[in-house]
Amino acid sequence: MSKVNNHIDYIEFPAKSMKELNAVKDFFTEVFGWSYQQWGDDYADTNDSGVGSGINAEDPATAPLPVIYVSDIQAVYDRVKAAGATITKEIFDFPGGKRFHFQDPAGNELAVWSE
């Protein structure tokens, strides 16, 4: 699947531990037949789910996290700050690129990433 600038690229589902991550993987495999690409011990991308998604036990959130792809992360970061959003995680490196998190006016957390 090709990335589209300024579109939601994938959604991360939280897991509170590796045990929970493995239980979630087993559940979705059993129910929907999904398979996974494991990235380290605490993250797995879903395959065959119809939308880009993953399960994250590294820094568990309390709700699913929409992740938006952009071609210029610094420009989008600057626009997000200028629009008054709360930055919850400054730009950081992760496997595949750079990313930051913010809260929208309703308090929903979203992430933005770029290669």
PDB file of N, CA and C in Angstrom:
ATOM      1  N   MET A   1       0.851  -1.170   0.000  1.00  0.00           N
ATOM      2  CA  MET A   1       0.000   0.000   0.000  1.00  0.00           C
ATOM      3  C   MET A   1       0.899   1.236   0.000  1.00  0.00           C
ATOM      4  N   SER A   2       0.674   2.139  -0.921  1.00  0.00           N
ATOM      5  CA  SER A   2       1.501   3.338  -0.976  1.00  0.00           C
ATOM      6  C   SER A   2       0.982   4.390  -0.002  1.00  0.00           C
ATOM      7  N   LYS A   3       1.913   5.164   0.516  1.00  0.00           N
ATOM      8  CA  LYS A   3       1.566   6.216   1.466  1.00  0.00           C
ATOM      9  C   LYS A   3       1.047   7.431   0.713  1.00  0.00           C
ATOM     10  N   VAL A   4       0.048   8.098   1.259  1.00  0.00           N
ATOM     11  CA  VAL A   4      -0.530   9.299   0.662  1.00  0.00           C
ATOM     12  C   VAL A   4      -0.337  10.439   1.653  1.00  0.00           C
ATOM     13  N   ASN A   5       0.264  11.527   1.174  1.00  0.00           N
ATOM     14  CA  ASN A   5       0.543  12.675   2.029  1.00  0.00           C
ATOM     15  C   ASN A   5      -0.739  13.204   2.670  1.00  0.00           C
ATOM     16  N   ASN A   6      -0.666  13.490   3.962  1.00  0.00           N
ATOM     17  CA  ASN A   6      -1.761  14.068   4.746  1.00  0.00           C
ATOM     18  C   ASN A   6      -2.971  13.153   4.900  1.00  0.00           C
ATOM     19  N   HIS A   7      -2.776  11.837   4.768  1.00  0.00           N
ATOM     20  CA  HIS A   7      -3.845  10.855   4.972  1.00  0.00           C
ATOM     21  C   HIS A   7      -3.507   9.973   6.171  1.00  0.00           C
ATOM     22  N   ILE A   8      -4.540   9.457   6.835  1.00  0.00           N
ATOM     23  CA  ILE A   8      -4.300   8.477   7.893  1.00  0.00           C
ATOM     24  C   ILE A   8      -3.677   7.257   7.242  1.00  0.00           C
ATOM     25  N   ASP A   9      -2.507   6.870   7.725  1.00  0.00           N
ATOM     26  CA  ASP A   9      -1.747   5.766   7.145  1.00  0.00           C
ATOM     27  C   ASP A   9      -2.045   4.451   7.858  1.00  0.00           C
ATOM     28  N   TYR A  10      -2.171   4.514   9.169  1.00  0.00           N
ATOM     29  CA  TYR A  10      -2.473   3.306   9.932  1.00  0.00           C
ATOM     30  C   TYR A  10      -3.000   3.682  11.312  1.00  0.00           C
ATOM     31  N   ILE A  11      -3.483   2.683  12.027  1.00  0.00           N
ATOM     32  CA  ILE A  11      -4.016   2.864  13.378  1.00  0.00           C
ATOM     33  C   ILE A  11      -3.293   1.887  14.295  1.00  0.00           C
ATOM     34  N   GLU A  12      -2.824   2.385  15.433  1.00  0.00           N
ATOM     35  CA  GLU A  12      -2.191   1.522  16.427  1.00  0.00           C
ATOM     36  C   GLU A  12      -3.189   1.182  17.529  1.00  0.00           C
ATOM     37  N   PHE A  13      -3.251  -0.099  17.856  1.00  0.00           N
ATOM     38  CA  PHE A  13      -4.069  -0.563  18.967  1.00  0.00           C
ATOM     39  C   PHE A  13      -3.161  -0.770  20.171  1.00  0.00           C
ATOM     40  N   PRO A  14      -3.552  -0.298  21.350  1.00  0.00           N
ATOM     41  CA  PRO A  14      -2.683  -0.423  22.515  1.00  0.00           C
ATOM     42  C   PRO A  14      -2.740  -1.807  23.152  1.00  0.00           C
ATOM     43  N   ALA A  15      -1.621  -2.201  23.718  1.00  0.00           N
ATOM     44  CA  ALA A  15      -1.534  -3.390  24.566  1.00  0.00           C
ATOM     45  C   ALA A  15      -0.704  -2.987  25.781  1.00  0.00           C
ATOM     46  N   LYS A  16      -1.080  -3.444  26.942  1.00  0.00           N
ATOM     47  CA  LYS A  16      -0.409  -3.004  28.169  1.00  0.00           C
ATOM     48  C   LYS A  16       0.852  -3.794  28.490  1.00  0.00           C
ATOM     49  N   SER A  17       1.059  -4.904  27.788  1.00  0.00           N
ATOM     50  CA  SER A  17       2.217  -5.756  28.063  1.00  0.00           C
ATOM     51  C   SER A  17       2.448  -6.654  26.851  1.00  0.00           C
ATOM     52  N   MET A  18       3.589  -7.339  26.845  1.00  0.00           N
ATOM     53  CA  MET A  18       3.850  -8.306  25.780  1.00  0.00           C
ATOM     54  C   MET A  18       2.841  -9.452  25.837  1.00  0.00           C
ATOM     55  N   LYS A  19       2.475  -9.872  27.033  1.00  0.00           N
ATOM     56  CA  LYS A  19       1.477 -10.936  27.171  1.00  0.00           C
ATOM     57  C   LYS A  19       0.166 -10.503  26.520  1.00  0.00           C
ATOM     58  N   GLU A  20      -0.246  -9.265  26.777  1.00  0.00           N
ATOM     59  CA  GLU A  20      -1.481  -8.755  26.185  1.00  0.00           C
ATOM     60  C   GLU A  20      -1.341  -8.599  24.671  1.00  0.00           C
ATOM     61  N   LEU A  21      -0.179  -8.132  24.197  1.00  0.00           N
ATOM     62  CA  LEU A  21       0.048  -8.013  22.754  1.00  0.00           C
ATOM     63  C   LEU A  21      -0.132  -9.370  22.080  1.00  0.00           C
ATOM     64  N   ASN A  22       0.477 -10.401  22.649  1.00  0.00           N
ATOM     65  CA  ASN A  22       0.356 -11.742  22.074  1.00  0.00           C
ATOM     66  C   ASN A  22      -1.072 -12.258  22.134  1.00  0.00           C
ATOM     67  N   ALA A  23      -1.794 -11.945  23.199  1.00  0.00           N
ATOM     68  CA  ALA A  23      -3.195 -12.365  23.303  1.00  0.00           C
ATOM     69  C   ALA A  23      -4.047 -11.671  22.242  1.00  0.00           C
ATOM     70  N   VAL A  24      -3.780 -10.380  22.003  1.00  0.00           N
ATOM     71  CA  VAL A  24      -4.523  -9.643  20.971  1.00  0.00           C
ATOM     72  C   VAL A  24      -4.218 -10.227  19.595  1.00  0.00           C
ATOM     73  N   LYS A  25      -2.945 -10.497  19.314  1.00  0.00           N
ATOM     74  CA  LYS A  25      -2.576 -11.113  18.035  1.00  0.00           C
ATOM     75  C   LYS A  25      -3.301 -12.442  17.850  1.00  0.00           C
ATOM     76  N   ASP A  26      -3.252 -13.296  18.869  1.00  0.00           N
ATOM     77  CA  ASP A  26      -3.908 -14.605  18.787  1.00  0.00           C
ATOM     78  C   ASP A  26      -5.410 -14.456  18.552  1.00  0.00           C
ATOM     79  N   PHE A  27      -6.036 -13.512  19.248  1.00  0.00           N
ATOM     80  CA  PHE A  27      -7.471 -13.277  19.095  1.00  0.00           C
ATOM     81  C   PHE A  27      -7.819 -12.906  17.654  1.00  0.00           C
ATOM     82  N   PHE A  28      -7.146 -11.885  17.098  1.00  0.00           N
ATOM     83  CA  PHE A  28      -7.479 -11.434  15.743  1.00  0.00           C
ATOM     84  C   PHE A  28      -7.109 -12.475  14.689  1.00  0.00           C
ATOM     85  N   THR A  29      -6.072 -13.271  14.944  1.00  0.00           N
ATOM     86  CA  THR A  29      -5.734 -14.354  14.026  1.00  0.00           C
ATOM     87  C   THR A  29      -6.841 -15.399  14.023  1.00  0.00           C
ATOM     88  N   GLU A  30      -7.297 -15.770  15.210  1.00  0.00           N
ATOM     89  CA  GLU A  30      -8.349 -16.782  15.324  1.00  0.00           C
ATOM     90  C   GLU A  30      -9.667 -16.298  14.731  1.00  0.00           C
ATOM     91  N   VAL A  31     -10.046 -15.063  15.022  1.00  0.00           N
ATOM     92  CA  VAL A  31     -11.356 -14.563  14.605  1.00  0.00           C
ATOM     93  C   VAL A  31     -11.365 -14.128  13.146  1.00  0.00           C
ATOM     94  N   PHE A  32     -10.324 -13.390  12.708  1.00  0.00           N
ATOM     95  CA  PHE A  32     -10.340 -12.788  11.374  1.00  0.00           C
ATOM     96  C   PHE A  32      -9.267 -13.321  10.432  1.00  0.00           C
ATOM     97  N   GLY A  33      -8.368 -14.168  10.915  1.00  0.00           N
ATOM     98  CA  GLY A  33      -7.332 -14.731  10.064  1.00  0.00           C
ATOM     99  C   GLY A  33      -6.174 -13.793   9.757  1.00  0.00           C
ATOM    100  N   TRP A  34      -6.021 -12.737  10.549  1.00  0.00           N
ATOM    101  CA  TRP A  34      -4.934 -11.786  10.300  1.00  0.00           C
ATOM    102  C   TRP A  34      -3.588 -12.417  10.643  1.00  0.00           C
ATOM    103  N   SER A  35      -2.563 -11.988   9.916  1.00  0.00           N
ATOM    104  CA  SER A  35      -1.191 -12.363  10.238  1.00  0.00           C
ATOM    105  C   SER A  35      -0.429 -11.094  10.606  1.00  0.00           C
ATOM    106  N   TYR A  36       0.814 -11.256  11.040  1.00  0.00           N
ATOM    107  CA  TYR A  36       1.547 -10.116  11.601  1.00  0.00           C
ATOM    108  C   TYR A  36       2.985 -10.063  11.130  1.00  0.00           C
ATOM    109  N   GLN A  37       3.530  -8.860  11.066  1.00  0.00           N
ATOM    110  CA  GLN A  37       4.959  -8.600  10.899  1.00  0.00           C
ATOM    111  C   GLN A  37       5.442  -8.068  12.241  1.00  0.00           C
ATOM    112  N   GLN A  38       6.298  -8.819  12.910  1.00  0.00           N
ATOM    113  CA  GLN A  38       6.797  -8.404  14.222  1.00  0.00           C
ATOM    114  C   GLN A  38       7.955  -7.429  14.044  1.00  0.00           C
ATOM    115  N   TRP A  39       7.927  -6.319  14.762  1.00  0.00           N
ATOM    116  CA  TRP A  39       8.994  -5.314  14.766  1.00  0.00           C
ATOM    117  C   TRP A  39       9.513  -5.215  16.192  1.00  0.00           C
ATOM    118  N   GLY A  40      10.542  -5.953  16.501  1.00  0.00           N
ATOM    119  CA  GLY A  40      11.057  -5.974  17.866  1.00  0.00           C
ATOM    120  C   GLY A  40      10.117  -6.757  18.762  1.00  0.00           C
ATOM    121  N   ASP A  41      10.312  -6.593  20.052  1.00  0.00           N
ATOM    122  CA  ASP A  41       9.524  -7.364  21.014  1.00  0.00           C
ATOM    123  C   ASP A  41       8.169  -6.766  21.319  1.00  0.00           C
ATOM    124  N   ASP A  42       7.985  -5.471  21.027  1.00  0.00           N
ATOM    125  CA  ASP A  42       6.804  -4.791  21.544  1.00  0.00           C
ATOM    126  C   ASP A  42       5.911  -4.159  20.486  1.00  0.00           C
ATOM    127  N   TYR A  43       6.096  -4.533  19.211  1.00  0.00           N
ATOM    128  CA  TYR A  43       5.255  -3.952  18.164  1.00  0.00           C
ATOM    129  C   TYR A  43       5.040  -4.968  17.053  1.00  0.00           C
ATOM    130  N   ALA A  44       3.813  -5.049  16.570  1.00  0.00           N
ATOM    131  CA  ALA A  44       3.495  -5.940  15.456  1.00  0.00           C
ATOM    132  C   ALA A  44       2.545  -5.234  14.501  1.00  0.00           C
ATOM    133  N   ASP A  45       2.890  -5.235  13.209  1.00  0.00           N
ATOM    134  CA  ASP A  45       1.992  -4.726  12.172  1.00  0.00           C
ATOM    135  C   ASP A  45       1.004  -5.816  11.797  1.00  0.00           C
ATOM    136  N   THR A  46      -0.237  -5.441  11.555  1.00  0.00           N
ATOM    137  CA  THR A  46      -1.207  -6.413  11.056  1.00  0.00           C
ATOM    138  C   THR A  46      -1.073  -6.528   9.545  1.00  0.00           C
ATOM    139  N   ASN A  47      -1.295  -7.718   9.050  1.00  0.00           N
ATOM    140  CA  ASN A  47      -1.409  -7.965   7.615  1.00  0.00           C
ATOM    141  C   ASN A  47      -2.837  -8.433   7.373  1.00  0.00           C
ATOM    142  N   ASP A  48      -3.327  -8.236   6.194  1.00  0.00           N
ATOM    143  CA  ASP A  48      -4.638  -8.767   5.802  1.00  0.00           C
ATOM    144  C   ASP A  48      -5.805  -8.168   6.581  1.00  0.00           C
ATOM    145  N   SER A  49      -5.627  -6.989   7.206  1.00  0.00           N
ATOM    146  CA  SER A  49      -6.704  -6.411   8.010  1.00  0.00           C
ATOM    147  C   SER A  49      -7.552  -5.413   7.229  1.00  0.00           C
ATOM    148  N   GLY A  50      -7.133  -5.063   6.018  1.00  0.00           N
ATOM    149  CA  GLY A  50      -7.909  -4.134   5.206  1.00  0.00           C
ATOM    150  C   GLY A  50      -7.527  -2.686   5.401  1.00  0.00           C
ATOM    151  N   VAL A  51      -6.787  -2.398   6.463  1.00  0.00           N
ATOM    152  CA  VAL A  51      -6.301  -1.044   6.734  1.00  0.00           C
ATOM    153  C   VAL A  51      -4.965  -1.197   7.457  1.00  0.00           C
ATOM    154  N   GLY A  52      -4.060  -0.273   7.235  1.00  0.00           N
ATOM    155  CA  GLY A  52      -2.800  -0.336   7.955  1.00  0.00           C
ATOM    156  C   GLY A  52      -3.045  -0.242   9.449  1.00  0.00           C
ATOM    157  N   SER A  53      -2.506  -1.182  10.207  1.00  0.00           N
ATOM    158  CA  SER A  53      -2.695  -1.147  11.653  1.00  0.00           C
ATOM    159  C   SER A  53      -1.610  -1.951  12.335  1.00  0.00           C
ATOM    160  N   GLY A  54      -1.474  -1.729  13.624  1.00  0.00           N
ATOM    161  CA  GLY A  54      -0.493  -2.449  14.406  1.00  0.00           C
ATOM    162  C   GLY A  54      -0.911  -2.502  15.857  1.00  0.00           C
ATOM    163  N   ILE A  55      -0.157  -3.283  16.632  1.00  0.00           N
ATOM    164  CA  ILE A  55      -0.395  -3.410  18.065  1.00  0.00           C
ATOM    165  C   ILE A  55       0.882  -2.967  18.760  1.00  0.00           C
ATOM    166  N   ASN A  56       0.764  -2.047  19.712  1.00  0.00           N
ATOM    167  CA  ASN A  56       1.922  -1.437  20.352  1.00  0.00           C
ATOM    168  C   ASN A  56       1.900  -1.687  21.854  1.00  0.00           C
ATOM    169  N   ALA A  57       2.926  -2.373  22.354  1.00  0.00           N
ATOM    170  CA  ALA A  57       3.059  -2.580  23.801  1.00  0.00           C
ATOM    171  C   ALA A  57       4.217  -1.777  24.371  1.00  0.00           C
ATOM    172  N   GLU A  58       4.930  -1.023  23.525  1.00  0.00           N
ATOM    173  CA  GLU A  58       6.086  -0.254  23.999  1.00  0.00           C
ATOM    174  C   GLU A  58       5.659   0.908  24.879  1.00  0.00           C
ATOM    175  N   ASP A  59       4.706   1.671  24.407  1.00  0.00           N
ATOM    176  CA  ASP A  59       4.252   2.870  25.117  1.00  0.00           C
ATOM    177  C   ASP A  59       2.733   2.873  25.050  1.00  0.00           C
ATOM    178  N   PRO A  60       2.102   1.973  25.807  1.00  0.00           N
ATOM    179  CA  PRO A  60       0.671   1.769  25.604  1.00  0.00           C
ATOM    180  C   PRO A  60      -0.175   3.006  25.876  1.00  0.00           C
ATOM    181  N   ALA A  61      -1.068   3.240  24.968  1.00  0.00           N
ATOM    182  CA  ALA A  61      -2.055   4.307  25.107  1.00  0.00           C
ATOM    183  C   ALA A  61      -3.312   3.705  25.729  1.00  0.00           C
ATOM    184  N   THR A  62      -4.326   4.519  25.899  1.00  0.00           N
ATOM    185  CA  THR A  62      -5.589   4.012  26.433  1.00  0.00           C
ATOM    186  C   THR A  62      -6.646   3.895  25.352  1.00  0.00           C
ATOM    187  N   ALA A  63      -6.308   4.304  24.126  1.00  0.00           N
ATOM    188  CA  ALA A  63      -7.250   4.254  23.008  1.00  0.00           C
ATOM    189  C   ALA A  63      -6.459   4.025  21.726  1.00  0.00           C
ATOM    190  N   PRO A  64      -7.104   3.527  20.677  1.00  0.00           N
ATOM    191  CA  PRO A  64      -6.411   3.409  19.398  1.00  0.00           C
ATOM    192  C   PRO A  64      -5.841   4.761  18.961  1.00  0.00           C
ATOM    193  N   LEU A  65      -4.715   4.708  18.247  1.00  0.00           N
ATOM    194  CA  LEU A  65      -3.986   5.904  17.844  1.00  0.00           C
ATOM    195  C   LEU A  65      -3.947   6.008  16.326  1.00  0.00           C
ATOM    196  N   PRO A  66      -4.698   6.946  15.719  1.00  0.00           N
ATOM    197  CA  PRO A  66      -4.570   7.174  14.276  1.00  0.00           C
ATOM    198  C   PRO A  66      -3.205   7.797  13.987  1.00  0.00           C
ATOM    199  N   VAL A  67      -2.537   7.307  12.946  1.00  0.00           N
ATOM    200  CA  VAL A  67      -1.212   7.802  12.580  1.00  0.00           C
ATOM    201  C   VAL A  67      -1.277   8.322  11.146  1.00  0.00           C
ATOM    202  N   ILE A  68      -0.957   9.601  10.977  1.00  0.00           N
ATOM    203  CA  ILE A  68      -1.067  10.293   9.694  1.00  0.00           C
ATOM    204  C   ILE A  68       0.309  10.371   9.051  1.00  0.00           C
ATOM    205  N   TYR A  69       0.391  10.029   7.764  1.00  0.00           N
ATOM    206  CA  TYR A  69       1.650  10.143   7.025  1.00  0.00           C
ATOM    207  C   TYR A  69       1.747  11.519   6.385  1.00  0.00           C
ATOM    208  N   VAL A  70       2.930  12.138   6.462  1.00  0.00           N
ATOM    209  CA  VAL A  70       3.194  13.418   5.804  1.00  0.00           C
ATOM    210  C   VAL A  70       4.568  13.362   5.153  1.00  0.00           C
ATOM    211  N   SER A  71       4.763  14.175   4.126  1.00  0.00           N
ATOM    212  CA  SER A  71       6.062  14.197   3.458  1.00  0.00           C
ATOM    213  C   SER A  71       7.051  15.128   4.156  1.00  0.00           C
ATOM    214  N   ASP A  72       6.564  16.117   4.904  1.00  0.00           N
ATOM    215  CA  ASP A  72       7.438  17.084   5.584  1.00  0.00           C
ATOM    216  C   ASP A  72       6.997  17.211   7.043  1.00  0.00           C
ATOM    217  N   ILE A  73       7.588  16.404   7.903  1.00  0.00           N
ATOM    218  CA  ILE A  73       7.140  16.348   9.295  1.00  0.00           C
ATOM    219  C   ILE A  73       7.357  17.670  10.024  1.00  0.00           C
ATOM    220  N   GLN A  74       8.444  18.370   9.744  1.00  0.00           N
ATOM    221  CA  GLN A  74       8.704  19.626  10.450  1.00  0.00           C
ATOM    222  C   GLN A  74       7.659  20.681  10.100  1.00  0.00           C
ATOM    223  N   ALA A  75       7.279  20.771   8.822  1.00  0.00           N
ATOM    224  CA  ALA A  75       6.262  21.747   8.413  1.00  0.00           C
ATOM    225  C   ALA A  75       4.920  21.443   9.073  1.00  0.00           C
ATOM    226  N   VAL A  76       4.550  20.167   9.137  1.00  0.00           N
ATOM    227  CA  VAL A  76       3.276  19.796   9.758  1.00  0.00           C
ATOM    228  C   VAL A  76       3.341  20.021  11.268  1.00  0.00           C
ATOM    229  N   TYR A  77       4.455  19.688  11.890  1.00  0.00           N
ATOM    230  CA  TYR A  77       4.637  19.957  13.318  1.00  0.00           C
ATOM    231  C   TYR A  77       4.423  21.442  13.598  1.00  0.00           C
ATOM    232  N   ASP A  78       5.037  22.294  12.788  1.00  0.00           N
ATOM    233  CA  ASP A  78       4.894  23.742  12.972  1.00  0.00           C
ATOM    234  C   ASP A  78       3.438  24.187  12.808  1.00  0.00           C
ATOM    235  N   ARG A  79       2.725  23.616  11.829  1.00  0.00           N
ATOM    236  CA  ARG A  79       1.314  23.976  11.623  1.00  0.00           C
ATOM    237  C   ARG A  79       0.443  23.500  12.783  1.00  0.00           C
ATOM    238  N   VAL A  80       0.715  22.297  13.279  1.00  0.00           N
ATOM    239  CA  VAL A  80      -0.040  21.755  14.414  1.00  0.00           C
ATOM    240  C   VAL A  80       0.138  22.663  15.634  1.00  0.00           C
ATOM    241  N   LYS A  81       1.377  23.058  15.918  1.00  0.00           N
ATOM    242  CA  LYS A  81       1.634  23.958  17.056  1.00  0.00           C
ATOM    243  C   LYS A  81       0.967  25.309  16.848  1.00  0.00           C
ATOM    244  N   ALA A  82       1.071  25.861  15.632  1.00  0.00           N
ATOM    245  CA  ALA A  82       0.481  27.171  15.344  1.00  0.00           C
ATOM    246  C   ALA A  82      -1.036  27.144  15.477  1.00  0.00           C
ATOM    247  N   ALA A  83      -1.641  25.982  15.211  1.00  0.00           N
ATOM    248  CA  ALA A  83      -3.096  25.846  15.322  1.00  0.00           C
ATOM    249  C   ALA A  83      -3.539  25.676  16.774  1.00  0.00           C
ATOM    250  N   GLY A  84      -2.593  25.594  17.702  1.00  0.00           N
ATOM    251  CA  GLY A  84      -2.936  25.541  19.117  1.00  0.00           C
ATOM    252  C   GLY A  84      -3.045  24.157  19.720  1.00  0.00           C
ATOM    253  N   ALA A  85      -2.655  23.120  18.980  1.00  0.00           N
ATOM    254  CA  ALA A  85      -2.736  21.761  19.523  1.00  0.00           C
ATOM    255  C   ALA A  85      -1.684  21.560  20.607  1.00  0.00           C
ATOM    256  N   THR A  86      -1.958  20.633  21.503  1.00  0.00           N
ATOM    257  CA  THR A  86      -1.001  20.251  22.534  1.00  0.00           C
ATOM    258  C   THR A  86      -0.107  19.151  21.987  1.00  0.00           C
ATOM    259  N   ILE A  87       1.192  19.384  21.980  1.00  0.00           N
ATOM    260  CA  ILE A  87       2.142  18.354  21.562  1.00  0.00           C
ATOM    261  C   ILE A  87       2.354  17.432  22.762  1.00  0.00           C
ATOM    262  N   THR A  88       2.062  16.143  22.586  1.00  0.00           N
ATOM    263  CA  THR A  88       2.208  15.194  23.685  1.00  0.00           C
ATOM    264  C   THR A  88       3.521  14.425  23.609  1.00  0.00           C
ATOM    265  N   LYS A  89       4.117  14.333  22.419  1.00  0.00           N
ATOM    266  CA  LYS A  89       5.451  13.750  22.232  1.00  0.00           C
ATOM    267  C   LYS A  89       6.134  14.547  21.139  1.00  0.00           C
ATOM    268  N   GLU A  90       7.267  15.107  21.459  1.00  0.00           N
ATOM    269  CA  GLU A  90       8.053  15.850  20.475  1.00  0.00           C
ATOM    270  C   GLU A  90       8.528  14.899  19.376  1.00  0.00           C
ATOM    271  N   ILE A  91       9.028  15.446  18.284  1.00  0.00           N
ATOM    272  CA  ILE A  91       9.517  14.623  17.171  1.00  0.00           C
ATOM    273  C   ILE A  91      10.602  13.668  17.687  1.00  0.00           C
ATOM    274  N   PHE A  92      10.450  12.381  17.344  1.00  0.00           N
ATOM    275  CA  PHE A  92      11.428  11.367  17.742  1.00  0.00           C
ATOM    276  C   PHE A  92      11.636  10.397  16.592  1.00  0.00           C
ATOM    277  N   ASP A  93      12.772   9.694  16.616  1.00  0.00           N
ATOM    278  CA  ASP A  93      13.074   8.665  15.624  1.00  0.00           C
ATOM    279  C   ASP A  93      12.423   7.359  16.048  1.00  0.00           C
ATOM    280  N   PHE A  94      11.942   6.613  15.063  1.00  0.00           N
ATOM    281  CA  PHE A  94      11.435   5.263  15.303  1.00  0.00           C
ATOM    282  C   PHE A  94      11.745   4.450  14.059  1.00  0.00           C
ATOM    283  N   PRO A  95      11.668   3.112  14.117  1.00  0.00           N
ATOM    284  CA  PRO A  95      11.969   2.326  12.926  1.00  0.00           C
ATOM    285  C   PRO A  95      11.074   2.757  11.760  1.00  0.00           C
ATOM    286  N   GLY A  96      11.676   3.261  10.713  1.00  0.00           N
ATOM    287  CA  GLY A  96      10.914   3.700   9.552  1.00  0.00           C
ATOM    288  C   GLY A  96      10.912   5.195   9.349  1.00  0.00           C
ATOM    289  N   GLY A  97      11.281   5.970  10.367  1.00  0.00           N
ATOM    290  CA  GLY A  97      11.273   7.410  10.156  1.00  0.00           C
ATOM    291  C   GLY A  97      11.241   8.219  11.430  1.00  0.00           C
ATOM    292  N   LYS A  98      10.487   9.306  11.379  1.00  0.00           N
ATOM    293  CA  LYS A  98      10.319  10.218  12.513  1.00  0.00           C
ATOM    294  C   LYS A  98       8.832  10.353  12.800  1.00  0.00           C
ATOM    295  N   ARG A  99       8.525  10.744  14.036  1.00  0.00           N
ATOM    296  CA  ARG A  99       7.124  10.808  14.434  1.00  0.00           C
ATOM    297  C   ARG A  99       6.959  11.787  15.586  1.00  0.00           C
ATOM    298  N   PHE A 100       5.746  12.361  15.708  1.00  0.00           N
ATOM    299  CA  PHE A 100       5.363  13.115  16.903  1.00  0.00           C
ATOM    300  C   PHE A 100       3.894  12.871  17.179  1.00  0.00           C
ATOM    301  N   HIS A 101       3.464  13.181  18.412  1.00  0.00           N
ATOM    302  CA  HIS A 101       2.070  12.993  18.822  1.00  0.00           C
ATOM    303  C   HIS A 101       1.498  14.328  19.277  1.00  0.00           C
ATOM    304  N   PHE A 102       0.194  14.484  19.081  1.00  0.00           N
ATOM    305  CA  PHE A 102      -0.483  15.697  19.536  1.00  0.00           C
ATOM    306  C   PHE A 102      -1.919  15.370  19.911  1.00  0.00           C
ATOM    307  N   GLN A 103      -2.560  16.305  20.623  1.00  0.00           N
ATOM    308  CA  GLN A 103      -3.985  16.188  20.936  1.00  0.00           C
ATOM    309  C   GLN A 103      -4.749  17.224  20.129  1.00  0.00           C
ATOM    310  N   ASP A 104      -5.860  16.774  19.537  1.00  0.00           N
ATOM    311  CA  ASP A 104      -6.724  17.706  18.813  1.00  0.00           C
ATOM    312  C   ASP A 104      -7.580  18.481  19.825  1.00  0.00           C
ATOM    313  N   PRO A 105      -8.404  19.440  19.368  1.00  0.00           N
ATOM    314  CA  PRO A 105      -9.194  20.243  20.306  1.00  0.00           C
ATOM    315  C   PRO A 105     -10.146  19.436  21.196  1.00  0.00           C
ATOM    316  N   ALA A 106     -10.517  18.225  20.782  1.00  0.00           N
ATOM    317  CA  ALA A 106     -11.402  17.390  21.601  1.00  0.00           C
ATOM    318  C   ALA A 106     -10.625  16.484  22.549  1.00  0.00           C
ATOM    319  N   GLY A 107      -9.289  16.563  22.513  1.00  0.00           N
ATOM    320  CA  GLY A 107      -8.470  15.746  23.394  1.00  0.00           C
ATOM    321  C   GLY A 107      -8.059  14.406  22.827  1.00  0.00           C
ATOM    322  N   ASN A 108      -8.409  14.118  21.563  1.00  0.00           N
ATOM    323  CA  ASN A 108      -7.994  12.871  20.931  1.00  0.00           C
ATOM    324  C   ASN A 108      -6.512  12.936  20.607  1.00  0.00           C
ATOM    325  N   GLU A 109      -5.796  11.859  20.887  1.00  0.00           N
ATOM    326  CA  GLU A 109      -4.383  11.823  20.533  1.00  0.00           C
ATOM    327  C   GLU A 109      -4.223  11.238  19.138  1.00  0.00           C
ATOM    328  N   LEU A 110      -3.387  11.888  18.339  1.00  0.00           N
ATOM    329  CA  LEU A 110      -3.032  11.433  17.004  1.00  0.00           C
ATOM    330  C   LEU A 110      -1.519  11.492  16.880  1.00  0.00           C
ATOM    331  N   ALA A 111      -0.987  10.773  15.908  1.00  0.00           N
ATOM    332  CA  ALA A 111       0.444  10.819  15.628  1.00  0.00           C
ATOM    333  C   ALA A 111       0.635  11.197  14.170  1.00  0.00           C
ATOM    334  N   VAL A 112       1.788  11.777  13.885  1.00  0.00           N
ATOM    335  CA  VAL A 112       2.178  12.140  12.524  1.00  0.00           C
ATOM    336  C   VAL A 112       3.547  11.522  12.288  1.00  0.00           C
ATOM    337  N   TRP A 113       3.728  10.889  11.109  1.00  0.00           N
ATOM    338  CA  TRP A 113       5.031  10.301  10.820  1.00  0.00           C
ATOM    339  C   TRP A 113       5.476  10.637   9.411  1.00  0.00           C
ATOM    340  N   SER A 114       6.788  10.531   9.208  1.00  0.00           N
ATOM    341  CA  SER A 114       7.400  10.752   7.902  1.00  0.00           C
ATOM    342  C   SER A 114       8.650   9.889   7.809  1.00  0.00           C
ATOM    343  N   GLU A 115       9.008   9.530   6.591  1.00  0.00           N
ATOM    344  CA  GLU A 115      10.225   8.734   6.387  1.00  0.00           C
ATOM    345  C   GLU A 115      11.452   9.588   6.575  1.00  0.00           C
TER     346      GLU A 115
END
